[in-house]
Amino acid sequence: MKIDEKDILRMLADPTTVRKGFERIVRQYSEPLYWKIRHFVMYHEDADDILQNVFLKAWNSLDTFKGQSKLSTWLFRIAINEALDFLRKQKTTAVGDDDMAQASHLMADDYFDGDEVQALLQEAVATLPEVQRAVFCLRYYDEMKYAEMSKLLEKSEGSLKASYHIAVQKVSEYIKNRN
């Protein structure tokens, strides 16, 4: 059962119902946050771990949420930042993990239900720089408008459009070269 954001905010503001309000947040936003994260990272286990971190960070930061944006926007911003932080850490600690092998790893993932074309797309997206990957995922998978993306990523619409255009070119080129 989906509950109105205003009702959740009222529950969060009351110390006697804050825990119940947060439980509702977890129930309502777990799946959309998971898929937002999964578009950034290749594997279910990583997305699951990041999702847990998102909810921990949100719980620990409830007192800093001022309601200047929608609760969902705040949660998605945390999720995207956590996914990008994970990718940065992974890049610095990765030892010999070849980008070319990622599609085959993904196809072996029990939680991946796509085909080889989708795996190749994920592999291509994984090669994009941070901002381009974020813009590509939000625009391609979520069909998010640039105005909303601008609020979420705190970047100008023009720069996001340029990043998306470049990302599409890179993804297309990557896929063309792999075929």
C-alpha atoms as a PDB file:
ATOM      1  CA  MET A   1       0.000   0.000   0.000  1.00  0.00           C
ATOM      2  CA  LYS A   2       1.448   3.312  -1.086  1.00  0.00           C
ATOM      3  CA  ILE A   3       1.212   6.065   1.490  1.00  0.00           C
ATOM      4  CA  ASP A   4       1.217   9.769   0.733  1.00  0.00           C
ATOM      5  CA  GLU A   5       4.550  11.527   1.240  1.00  0.00           C
ATOM      6  CA  LYS A   6       2.903  14.162   3.461  1.00  0.00           C
ATOM      7  CA  ASP A   7       1.618  11.425   5.773  1.00  0.00           C
ATOM      8  CA  ILE A   8       5.099   9.905   5.983  1.00  0.00           C
ATOM      9  CA  LEU A   9       6.599  13.333   6.775  1.00  0.00           C
ATOM     10  CA  ARG A  10       4.052  13.811   9.582  1.00  0.00           C
ATOM     11  CA  MET A  11       5.011  10.414  10.993  1.00  0.00           C
ATOM     12  CA  LEU A  12       8.711  11.289  10.791  1.00  0.00           C
ATOM     13  CA  ALA A  13       8.142  14.565  12.632  1.00  0.00           C
ATOM     14  CA  ASP A  14       6.530  12.803  15.600  1.00  0.00           C
ATOM     15  CA  PRO A  15       9.042  10.977  17.848  1.00  0.00           C
ATOM     16  CA  THR A  16       6.392   8.365  18.716  1.00  0.00           C
ATOM     17  CA  THR A  17       5.831   7.389  15.060  1.00  0.00           C
ATOM     18  CA  VAL A  18       9.227   8.092  13.480  1.00  0.00           C
ATOM     19  CA  ARG A  19      10.220   4.414  13.365  1.00  0.00           C
ATOM     20  CA  LYS A  20       6.904   3.416  11.785  1.00  0.00           C
ATOM     21  CA  GLY A  21       7.250   6.253   9.267  1.00  0.00           C
ATOM     22  CA  PHE A  22      10.709   5.079   8.304  1.00  0.00           C
ATOM     23  CA  GLU A  23       9.465   1.500   7.921  1.00  0.00           C
ATOM     24  CA  ARG A  24       6.931   2.852   5.435  1.00  0.00           C
ATOM     25  CA  ILE A  25       9.720   4.647   3.558  1.00  0.00           C
ATOM     26  CA  VAL A  26      11.651   1.384   3.306  1.00  0.00           C
ATOM     27  CA  ARG A  27       8.590  -0.532   2.062  1.00  0.00           C
ATOM     28  CA  GLN A  28       7.576   2.145  -0.428  1.00  0.00           C
ATOM     29  CA  TYR A  29      10.972   3.067  -1.858  1.00  0.00           C
ATOM     30  CA  SER A  30      13.029  -0.155  -1.691  1.00  0.00           C
ATOM     31  CA  GLU A  31      12.168  -1.392  -5.156  1.00  0.00           C
ATOM     32  CA  PRO A  32      12.488   1.899  -7.086  1.00  0.00           C
ATOM     33  CA  LEU A  33      15.736   2.739  -5.281  1.00  0.00           C
ATOM     34  CA  TYR A  34      17.096  -0.751  -5.933  1.00  0.00           C
ATOM     35  CA  TRP A  35      16.502  -0.425  -9.677  1.00  0.00           C
ATOM     36  CA  LYS A  36      17.938   3.068  -9.784  1.00  0.00           C
ATOM     37  CA  ILE A  37      21.103   1.723  -8.117  1.00  0.00           C
ATOM     38  CA  ARG A  38      21.145  -1.434 -10.256  1.00  0.00           C
ATOM     39  CA  HIS A  39      21.377   0.661 -13.403  1.00  0.00           C
ATOM     40  CA  PHE A  40      24.644   2.074 -12.046  1.00  0.00           C
ATOM     41  CA  VAL A  41      26.190  -1.154 -10.773  1.00  0.00           C
ATOM     42  CA  MET A  42      26.367  -4.518 -12.489  1.00  0.00           C
ATOM     43  CA  TYR A  43      25.578  -6.987  -9.742  1.00  0.00           C
ATOM     44  CA  HIS A  44      22.603  -7.658  -7.490  1.00  0.00           C
ATOM     45  CA  GLU A  45      24.733  -8.091  -4.376  1.00  0.00           C
ATOM     46  CA  ASP A  46      26.367  -4.694  -4.895  1.00  0.00           C
ATOM     47  CA  ALA A  47      23.002  -3.016  -5.492  1.00  0.00           C
ATOM     48  CA  ASP A  48      21.607  -4.685  -2.376  1.00  0.00           C
ATOM     49  CA  ASP A  49      24.542  -3.526  -0.236  1.00  0.00           C
ATOM     50  CA  ILE A  50      24.276   0.018  -1.581  1.00  0.00           C
ATOM     51  CA  LEU A  51      20.528   0.053  -0.908  1.00  0.00           C
ATOM     52  CA  GLN A  52      21.179  -0.861   2.723  1.00  0.00           C
ATOM     53  CA  ASN A  53      23.703   1.988   2.933  1.00  0.00           C
ATOM     54  CA  VAL A  54      21.127   4.372   1.442  1.00  0.00           C
ATOM     55  CA  PHE A  55      18.584   3.528   4.129  1.00  0.00           C
ATOM     56  CA  LEU A  56      21.211   3.749   6.884  1.00  0.00           C
ATOM     57  CA  LYS A  57      22.313   7.141   5.624  1.00  0.00           C
ATOM     58  CA  ALA A  58      18.704   8.314   5.321  1.00  0.00           C
ATOM     59  CA  TRP A  59      17.866   7.111   8.856  1.00  0.00           C
ATOM     60  CA  ASN A  60      20.948   8.821  10.299  1.00  0.00           C
ATOM     61  CA  SER A  61      20.164  12.012   8.382  1.00  0.00           C
ATOM     62  CA  LEU A  62      16.425  12.297   9.010  1.00  0.00           C
ATOM     63  CA  ASP A  63      16.967  15.352  11.180  1.00  0.00           C
ATOM     64  CA  THR A  64      18.715  17.134   8.287  1.00  0.00           C
ATOM     65  CA  PHE A  65      15.827  16.620   5.834  1.00  0.00           C
ATOM     66  CA  LYS A  66      14.132  20.008   5.694  1.00  0.00           C
ATOM     67  CA  GLY A  67      11.416  19.202   3.179  1.00  0.00           C
ATOM     68  CA  GLN A  68      12.784  21.639   0.587  1.00  0.00           C
ATOM     69  CA  SER A  69      12.604  18.821  -1.965  1.00  0.00           C
ATOM     70  CA  LYS A  70      10.343  15.818  -2.173  1.00  0.00           C
ATOM     71  CA  LEU A  71      11.266  12.913   0.064  1.00  0.00           C
ATOM     72  CA  SER A  72      11.687  10.725  -3.020  1.00  0.00           C
ATOM     73  CA  THR A  73      14.111  13.244  -4.578  1.00  0.00           C
ATOM     74  CA  TRP A  74      16.148  13.278  -1.369  1.00  0.00           C
ATOM     75  CA  LEU A  75      16.267   9.463  -1.277  1.00  0.00           C
ATOM     76  CA  PHE A  76      17.177   9.196  -4.970  1.00  0.00           C
ATOM     77  CA  ARG A  77      19.973  11.729  -4.499  1.00  0.00           C
ATOM     78  CA  ILE A  78      21.362   9.656  -1.621  1.00  0.00           C
ATOM     79  CA  ALA A  79      21.060   6.487  -3.746  1.00  0.00           C
ATOM     80  CA  ILE A  80      22.847   8.000  -6.732  1.00  0.00           C
ATOM     81  CA  ASN A  81      25.618   9.428  -4.548  1.00  0.00           C
ATOM     82  CA  GLU A  82      26.076   6.072  -2.803  1.00  0.00           C
ATOM     83  CA  ALA A  83      26.196   4.238  -6.147  1.00  0.00           C
ATOM     84  CA  LEU A  84      28.746   6.693  -7.532  1.00  0.00           C
ATOM     85  CA  ASP A  85      30.834   6.449  -4.337  1.00  0.00           C
ATOM     86  CA  PHE A  86      30.769   2.671  -4.677  1.00  0.00           C
ATOM     87  CA  LEU A  87      31.941   2.917  -8.289  1.00  0.00           C
ATOM     88  CA  ARG A  88      34.764   5.298  -7.333  1.00  0.00           C
ATOM     89  CA  LYS A  89      35.963   2.928  -4.617  1.00  0.00           C
ATOM     90  CA  GLN A  90      35.631  -0.047  -6.928  1.00  0.00           C
ATOM     91  CA  LYS A  91      37.713   1.698  -9.585  1.00  0.00           C
ATOM     92  CA  THR A  92      40.541   2.349  -7.137  1.00  0.00           C
ATOM     93  CA  THR A  93      40.514  -1.190  -5.708  1.00  0.00           C
ATOM     94  CA  ALA A  94      39.818  -3.199  -8.875  1.00  0.00           C
ATOM     95  CA  VAL A  95      42.687  -5.480  -9.740  1.00  0.00           C
ATOM     96  CA  GLY A  96      42.698  -6.808 -13.280  1.00  0.00           C
ATOM     97  CA  ASP A  97      38.912  -6.826 -13.745  1.00  0.00           C
ATOM     98  CA  ASP A  98      38.602  -6.379 -17.485  1.00  0.00           C
ATOM     99  CA  ASP A  99      35.628  -4.341 -18.727  1.00  0.00           C
ATOM    100  CA  MET A 100      35.341  -6.767 -21.635  1.00  0.00           C
ATOM    101  CA  ALA A 101      34.483  -9.598 -19.243  1.00  0.00           C
ATOM    102  CA  GLN A 102      31.709  -7.766 -17.426  1.00  0.00           C
ATOM    103  CA  ALA A 103      28.921  -8.843 -19.798  1.00  0.00           C
ATOM    104  CA  SER A 104      29.793 -12.509 -19.316  1.00  0.00           C
ATOM    105  CA  HIS A 105      29.889 -12.014 -15.530  1.00  0.00           C
ATOM    106  CA  LEU A 106      26.516 -10.307 -15.725  1.00  0.00           C
ATOM    107  CA  MET A 107      25.013 -13.140 -17.795  1.00  0.00           C
ATOM    108  CA  ALA A 108      26.099 -15.553 -15.031  1.00  0.00           C
ATOM    109  CA  ASP A 109      24.376 -13.425 -12.353  1.00  0.00           C
ATOM    110  CA  ASP A 110      21.264 -15.293 -11.133  1.00  0.00           C
ATOM    111  CA  TYR A 111      19.507 -11.966 -10.552  1.00  0.00           C
ATOM    112  CA  PHE A 112      20.093 -10.642 -14.078  1.00  0.00           C
ATOM    113  CA  ASP A 113      17.110 -11.466 -16.267  1.00  0.00           C
ATOM    114  CA  GLY A 114      18.228  -9.742 -19.458  1.00  0.00           C
ATOM    115  CA  ASP A 115      19.711 -11.049 -22.659  1.00  0.00           C
ATOM    116  CA  GLU A 116      23.168 -10.628 -24.197  1.00  0.00           C
ATOM    117  CA  VAL A 117      22.228  -7.276 -25.764  1.00  0.00           C
ATOM    118  CA  GLN A 118      21.177  -5.893 -22.382  1.00  0.00           C
ATOM    119  CA  ALA A 119      24.356  -7.237 -20.803  1.00  0.00           C
ATOM    120  CA  LEU A 120      26.423  -5.545 -23.509  1.00  0.00           C
ATOM    121  CA  LEU A 121      24.548  -2.281 -22.892  1.00  0.00           C
ATOM    122  CA  GLN A 122      25.293  -2.554 -19.162  1.00  0.00           C
ATOM    123  CA  GLU A 123      28.924  -3.230 -19.967  1.00  0.00           C
ATOM    124  CA  ALA A 124      29.066  -0.159 -22.238  1.00  0.00           C
ATOM    125  CA  VAL A 125      27.424   2.026 -19.592  1.00  0.00           C
ATOM    126  CA  ALA A 126      29.959   0.786 -17.037  1.00  0.00           C
ATOM    127  CA  THR A 127      32.753   2.330 -19.120  1.00  0.00           C
ATOM    128  CA  LEU A 128      31.248   5.838 -18.958  1.00  0.00           C
ATOM    129  CA  PRO A 129      32.670   8.512 -16.659  1.00  0.00           C
ATOM    130  CA  GLU A 130      30.661   9.228 -13.517  1.00  0.00           C
ATOM    131  CA  VAL A 131      28.465  12.140 -14.659  1.00  0.00           C
ATOM    132  CA  GLN A 132      27.808  10.652 -18.084  1.00  0.00           C
ATOM    133  CA  ARG A 133      26.837   7.349 -16.490  1.00  0.00           C
ATOM    134  CA  ALA A 134      24.450   9.086 -14.100  1.00  0.00           C
ATOM    135  CA  VAL A 135      22.830  11.145 -16.862  1.00  0.00           C
ATOM    136  CA  PHE A 136      22.605   8.172 -19.207  1.00  0.00           C
ATOM    137  CA  CYS A 137      20.989   5.939 -16.585  1.00  0.00           C
ATOM    138  CA  LEU A 138      18.490   8.562 -15.459  1.00  0.00           C
ATOM    139  CA  ARG A 139      17.515   9.531 -19.000  1.00  0.00           C
ATOM    140  CA  TYR A 140      17.631   6.160 -20.753  1.00  0.00           C
ATOM    141  CA  TYR A 141      16.266   3.832 -18.053  1.00  0.00           C
ATOM    142  CA  ASP A 142      14.056   6.222 -16.080  1.00  0.00           C
ATOM    143  CA  GLU A 143      13.141   8.622 -18.911  1.00  0.00           C
ATOM    144  CA  MET A 144      13.733  11.442 -16.444  1.00  0.00           C
ATOM    145  CA  LYS A 145      13.300  14.975 -17.736  1.00  0.00           C
ATOM    146  CA  TYR A 146      16.374  17.206 -17.705  1.00  0.00           C
ATOM    147  CA  ALA A 147      14.694  19.692 -15.337  1.00  0.00           C
ATOM    148  CA  GLU A 148      14.178  16.987 -12.719  1.00  0.00           C
ATOM    149  CA  MET A 149      17.651  15.580 -13.343  1.00  0.00           C
ATOM    150  CA  SER A 150      19.078  19.070 -12.856  1.00  0.00           C
ATOM    151  CA  LYS A 151      17.578  19.251  -9.355  1.00  0.00           C
ATOM    152  CA  LEU A 152      18.705  15.753  -8.498  1.00  0.00           C
ATOM    153  CA  LEU A 153      22.294  16.101  -9.720  1.00  0.00           C
ATOM    154  CA  GLU A 154      22.599  19.843  -9.069  1.00  0.00           C
ATOM    155  CA  LYS A 155      23.883  20.553 -12.588  1.00  0.00           C
ATOM    156  CA  SER A 156      22.564  22.789 -15.371  1.00  0.00           C
ATOM    157  CA  GLU A 157      20.152  21.324 -17.897  1.00  0.00           C
ATOM    158  CA  GLY A 158      22.473  22.319 -20.740  1.00  0.00           C
ATOM    159  CA  SER A 159      25.431  20.445 -19.297  1.00  0.00           C
ATOM    160  CA  LEU A 160      23.236  17.401 -18.670  1.00  0.00           C
ATOM    161  CA  LYS A 161      22.000  17.415 -22.267  1.00  0.00           C
ATOM    162  CA  ALA A 162      25.581  17.611 -23.506  1.00  0.00           C
ATOM    163  CA  SER A 163      26.655  14.800 -21.167  1.00  0.00           C
ATOM    164  CA  TYR A 164      23.797  12.605 -22.351  1.00  0.00           C
ATOM    165  CA  HIS A 165      24.599  13.246 -25.999  1.00  0.00           C
ATOM    166  CA  ILE A 166      28.264  12.334 -25.460  1.00  0.00           C
ATOM    167  CA  ALA A 167      27.296   9.268 -23.396  1.00  0.00           C
ATOM    168  CA  VAL A 168      24.984   7.996 -26.148  1.00  0.00           C
ATOM    169  CA  GLN A 169      27.784   8.401 -28.688  1.00  0.00           C
ATOM    170  CA  LYS A 170      30.242   6.512 -26.468  1.00  0.00           C
ATOM    171  CA  VAL A 171      27.770   3.708 -25.759  1.00  0.00           C
ATOM    172  CA  SER A 172      26.927   3.372 -29.452  1.00  0.00           C
ATOM    173  CA  GLU A 173      30.601   3.312 -30.407  1.00  0.00           C
ATOM    174  CA  TYR A 174      31.401   0.745 -27.693  1.00  0.00           C
ATOM    175  CA  ILE A 175      28.613  -1.564 -28.842  1.00  0.00           C
ATOM    176  CA  LYS A 176      29.553  -1.140 -32.508  1.00  0.00           C
ATOM    177  CA  ASN A 177      33.170  -2.057 -31.735  1.00  0.00           C
ATOM    178  CA  ARG A 178      32.125  -5.132 -29.737  1.00  0.00           C
ATOM    179  CA  ASN A 179      29.963  -6.527 -32.558  1.00  0.00           C
END
